[in-house]
């Protein structure tokens, strides 16, 4: 399953301090990620400490952007997650990177990649259960 390597990606590094990709990462033209919504939901279910009670779930259709010198499809995600005390953080923007049409990694600092993005409601993100 792809999710386990993604969860471990933050723990790994290499001598050049480049991001690690678990999908073959070539400079070839990238296919559009046709299953991006289900893949993002599956990933977010494991990424969030508590996937229940997400507020303000929004998503932007994948667009091509340059990431690490390569053109990739990026889907931007905005959400406010519930904290352990029941409060909510301010909504966060995340960039989901796709390689070869598959979810590859999440960029937690998505400012440049998601600048000028037009979001639409993503109610499935708010309906996640444990």
C-alpha atoms as a PDB file:
ATOM      1  CA  UNK A   1       0.000   0.000   0.000  1.00  0.00           C
ATOM      2  CA  UNK A   2       1.327   3.435  -0.929  1.00  0.00           C
ATOM      3  CA  UNK A   3       0.348   5.121   2.352  1.00  0.00           C
ATOM      4  CA  UNK A   4       2.975   3.480   4.572  1.00  0.00           C
ATOM      5  CA  UNK A   5       5.943   4.810   2.559  1.00  0.00           C
ATOM      6  CA  UNK A   6       4.335   8.243   2.468  1.00  0.00           C
ATOM      7  CA  UNK A   7       3.995   8.271   6.226  1.00  0.00           C
ATOM      8  CA  UNK A   8       7.659   7.352   6.586  1.00  0.00           C
ATOM      9  CA  UNK A   9       8.878   9.847   3.994  1.00  0.00           C
ATOM     10  CA  UNK A  10       9.234  12.599   6.585  1.00  0.00           C
ATOM     11  CA  UNK A  11      11.613  10.423   8.606  1.00  0.00           C
ATOM     12  CA  UNK A  12      13.971   9.708   5.747  1.00  0.00           C
ATOM     13  CA  UNK A  13      16.671  11.777   4.139  1.00  0.00           C
ATOM     14  CA  UNK A  14      19.659  11.415   1.911  1.00  0.00           C
ATOM     15  CA  UNK A  15      23.048  13.030   1.558  1.00  0.00           C
ATOM     16  CA  UNK A  16      21.808  15.703  -0.835  1.00  0.00           C
ATOM     17  CA  UNK A  17      18.830  16.628   1.417  1.00  0.00           C
ATOM     18  CA  UNK A  18      16.453  16.250  -1.531  1.00  0.00           C
ATOM     19  CA  UNK A  19      12.868  15.172  -1.093  1.00  0.00           C
ATOM     20  CA  UNK A  20      12.354  11.440  -1.354  1.00  0.00           C
ATOM     21  CA  UNK A  21       9.835  10.181  -3.854  1.00  0.00           C
ATOM     22  CA  UNK A  22       8.443   6.658  -3.772  1.00  0.00           C
ATOM     23  CA  UNK A  23       7.224   6.884  -7.355  1.00  0.00           C
ATOM     24  CA  UNK A  24       9.627   6.809 -10.306  1.00  0.00           C
ATOM     25  CA  UNK A  25      10.446  10.494 -10.660  1.00  0.00           C
ATOM     26  CA  UNK A  26      11.431  11.301 -14.233  1.00  0.00           C
ATOM     27  CA  UNK A  27      11.215  14.495 -16.226  1.00  0.00           C
ATOM     28  CA  UNK A  28       8.686  12.944 -18.612  1.00  0.00           C
ATOM     29  CA  UNK A  29       5.327  14.682 -19.190  1.00  0.00           C
ATOM     30  CA  UNK A  30       3.042  13.827 -16.309  1.00  0.00           C
ATOM     31  CA  UNK A  31      -0.434  12.313 -16.664  1.00  0.00           C
ATOM     32  CA  UNK A  32      -3.350  14.049 -14.992  1.00  0.00           C
ATOM     33  CA  UNK A  33      -4.134  12.392 -11.605  1.00  0.00           C
ATOM     34  CA  UNK A  34      -7.622  11.083 -12.407  1.00  0.00           C
ATOM     35  CA  UNK A  35      -8.217   9.587  -8.921  1.00  0.00           C
ATOM     36  CA  UNK A  36      -6.865  12.546  -6.981  1.00  0.00           C
ATOM     37  CA  UNK A  37      -9.862  12.994  -4.643  1.00  0.00           C
ATOM     38  CA  UNK A  38      -9.994   9.389  -3.317  1.00  0.00           C
ATOM     39  CA  UNK A  39      -6.203   9.308  -3.022  1.00  0.00           C
ATOM     40  CA  UNK A  40      -6.154  12.560  -1.051  1.00  0.00           C
ATOM     41  CA  UNK A  41      -8.931  11.338   1.261  1.00  0.00           C
ATOM     42  CA  UNK A  42      -7.101   8.056   1.939  1.00  0.00           C
ATOM     43  CA  UNK A  43      -3.877   9.918   2.638  1.00  0.00           C
ATOM     44  CA  UNK A  44      -5.507  12.544   4.881  1.00  0.00           C
ATOM     45  CA  UNK A  45      -7.220   9.808   6.872  1.00  0.00           C
ATOM     46  CA  UNK A  46      -3.776   8.608   7.983  1.00  0.00           C
ATOM     47  CA  UNK A  47      -2.029  12.008   7.954  1.00  0.00           C
ATOM     48  CA  UNK A  48      -4.318  13.726  10.454  1.00  0.00           C
ATOM     49  CA  UNK A  49      -4.133  12.753  14.119  1.00  0.00           C
ATOM     50  CA  UNK A  50      -7.920  12.948  14.270  1.00  0.00           C
ATOM     51  CA  UNK A  51      -9.646  12.793  10.873  1.00  0.00           C
ATOM     52  CA  UNK A  52     -13.073  13.336  12.476  1.00  0.00           C
ATOM     53  CA  UNK A  53     -14.466  16.857  12.590  1.00  0.00           C
ATOM     54  CA  UNK A  54     -12.395  18.585   9.920  1.00  0.00           C
ATOM     55  CA  UNK A  55     -13.907  21.998   9.117  1.00  0.00           C
ATOM     56  CA  UNK A  56     -13.671  24.252   6.099  1.00  0.00           C
ATOM     57  CA  UNK A  57     -12.523  21.476   3.749  1.00  0.00           C
ATOM     58  CA  UNK A  58     -11.674  22.926   0.349  1.00  0.00           C
ATOM     59  CA  UNK A  59      -9.784  21.632  -2.671  1.00  0.00           C
ATOM     60  CA  UNK A  60      -8.440  23.029  -5.916  1.00  0.00           C
ATOM     61  CA  UNK A  61      -8.283  20.998  -9.120  1.00  0.00           C
ATOM     62  CA  UNK A  62      -4.760  19.758  -9.911  1.00  0.00           C
ATOM     63  CA  UNK A  63      -2.689  22.147 -12.006  1.00  0.00           C
ATOM     64  CA  UNK A  64       0.838  21.864 -13.306  1.00  0.00           C
ATOM     65  CA  UNK A  65       3.482  23.696 -11.283  1.00  0.00           C
ATOM     66  CA  UNK A  66       7.238  23.436 -11.024  1.00  0.00           C
ATOM     67  CA  UNK A  67       8.354  21.614  -7.880  1.00  0.00           C
ATOM     68  CA  UNK A  68      12.029  20.953  -7.343  1.00  0.00           C
ATOM     69  CA  UNK A  69      12.778  21.943 -10.922  1.00  0.00           C
ATOM     70  CA  UNK A  70      10.274  19.481 -12.411  1.00  0.00           C
ATOM     71  CA  UNK A  71       6.754  20.049 -13.696  1.00  0.00           C
ATOM     72  CA  UNK A  72       4.258  18.152 -11.546  1.00  0.00           C
ATOM     73  CA  UNK A  73       0.537  18.183 -10.962  1.00  0.00           C
ATOM     74  CA  UNK A  74      -0.320  19.884  -7.671  1.00  0.00           C
ATOM     75  CA  UNK A  75      -3.699  19.835  -5.924  1.00  0.00           C
ATOM     76  CA  UNK A  76      -4.106  22.394  -3.164  1.00  0.00           C
ATOM     77  CA  UNK A  77      -6.053  21.562  -0.039  1.00  0.00           C
ATOM     78  CA  UNK A  78      -7.318  23.866   2.718  1.00  0.00           C
ATOM     79  CA  UNK A  79      -8.794  22.672   6.003  1.00  0.00           C
ATOM     80  CA  UNK A  80      -9.065  23.345   9.729  1.00  0.00           C
ATOM     81  CA  UNK A  81      -8.437  20.282  11.856  1.00  0.00           C
ATOM     82  CA  UNK A  82      -9.853  19.593  15.302  1.00  0.00           C
ATOM     83  CA  UNK A  83      -7.354  19.684  18.164  1.00  0.00           C
ATOM     84  CA  UNK A  84      -7.349  17.282  21.112  1.00  0.00           C
ATOM     85  CA  UNK A  85      -9.035  19.929  23.321  1.00  0.00           C
ATOM     86  CA  UNK A  86     -11.906  20.305  20.792  1.00  0.00           C
ATOM     87  CA  UNK A  87     -10.749  23.652  19.420  1.00  0.00           C
ATOM     88  CA  UNK A  88      -9.819  24.250  15.791  1.00  0.00           C
ATOM     89  CA  UNK A  89      -6.651  25.575  14.226  1.00  0.00           C
ATOM     90  CA  UNK A  90      -6.763  28.283  11.604  1.00  0.00           C
ATOM     91  CA  UNK A  91      -7.313  26.756   8.141  1.00  0.00           C
ATOM     92  CA  UNK A  92      -4.088  25.419   6.624  1.00  0.00           C
ATOM     93  CA  UNK A  93      -3.047  25.196   2.998  1.00  0.00           C
ATOM     94  CA  UNK A  94      -1.261  22.064   1.813  1.00  0.00           C
ATOM     95  CA  UNK A  95       0.020  21.150  -1.649  1.00  0.00           C
ATOM     96  CA  UNK A  96      -0.383  17.548  -2.727  1.00  0.00           C
ATOM     97  CA  UNK A  97       2.225  16.527  -5.309  1.00  0.00           C
ATOM     98  CA  UNK A  98       1.447  13.875  -7.911  1.00  0.00           C
ATOM     99  CA  UNK A  99       4.054  11.932  -9.885  1.00  0.00           C
ATOM    100  CA  UNK A 100       3.033   9.540 -12.613  1.00  0.00           C
ATOM    101  CA  UNK A 101      -0.629  10.325 -11.904  1.00  0.00           C
ATOM    102  CA  UNK A 102      -0.354   9.081  -8.294  1.00  0.00           C
ATOM    103  CA  UNK A 103      -0.158  10.905  -4.968  1.00  0.00           C
ATOM    104  CA  UNK A 104       3.516  11.184  -4.086  1.00  0.00           C
ATOM    105  CA  UNK A 105       3.907  13.610  -1.185  1.00  0.00           C
ATOM    106  CA  UNK A 106       2.463  16.559   0.700  1.00  0.00           C
ATOM    107  CA  UNK A 107       4.102  19.950   0.956  1.00  0.00           C
ATOM    108  CA  UNK A 108       3.280  21.516   4.304  1.00  0.00           C
ATOM    109  CA  UNK A 109       4.643  24.913   3.269  1.00  0.00           C
ATOM    110  CA  UNK A 110       2.422  25.417   0.232  1.00  0.00           C
ATOM    111  CA  UNK A 111       2.580  29.192  -0.098  1.00  0.00           C
ATOM    112  CA  UNK A 112       4.190  29.457  -3.533  1.00  0.00           C
ATOM    113  CA  UNK A 113       2.639  26.305  -4.994  1.00  0.00           C
ATOM    114  CA  UNK A 114      -0.891  27.330  -3.968  1.00  0.00           C
ATOM    115  CA  UNK A 115      -0.631  31.083  -4.566  1.00  0.00           C
ATOM    116  CA  UNK A 116      -3.653  32.384  -6.470  1.00  0.00           C
ATOM    117  CA  UNK A 117      -5.490  29.065  -6.193  1.00  0.00           C
ATOM    118  CA  UNK A 118      -9.276  29.002  -6.511  1.00  0.00           C
ATOM    119  CA  UNK A 119     -10.754  26.573  -3.994  1.00  0.00           C
ATOM    120  CA  UNK A 120     -14.068  24.726  -4.091  1.00  0.00           C
ATOM    121  CA  UNK A 121     -15.843  22.980  -1.192  1.00  0.00           C
ATOM    122  CA  UNK A 122     -14.565  19.477  -0.407  1.00  0.00           C
ATOM    123  CA  UNK A 123     -17.328  18.052   1.825  1.00  0.00           C
ATOM    124  CA  UNK A 124     -15.875  14.511   1.738  1.00  0.00           C
ATOM    125  CA  UNK A 125     -12.915  15.784   3.753  1.00  0.00           C
ATOM    126  CA  UNK A 126     -15.316  16.989   6.446  1.00  0.00           C
ATOM    127  CA  UNK A 127     -17.166  13.635   6.499  1.00  0.00           C
ATOM    128  CA  UNK A 128     -14.131  11.474   7.333  1.00  0.00           C
ATOM    129  CA  UNK A 129     -14.511   8.956  10.142  1.00  0.00           C
ATOM    130  CA  UNK A 130     -11.996   6.960  12.148  1.00  0.00           C
END
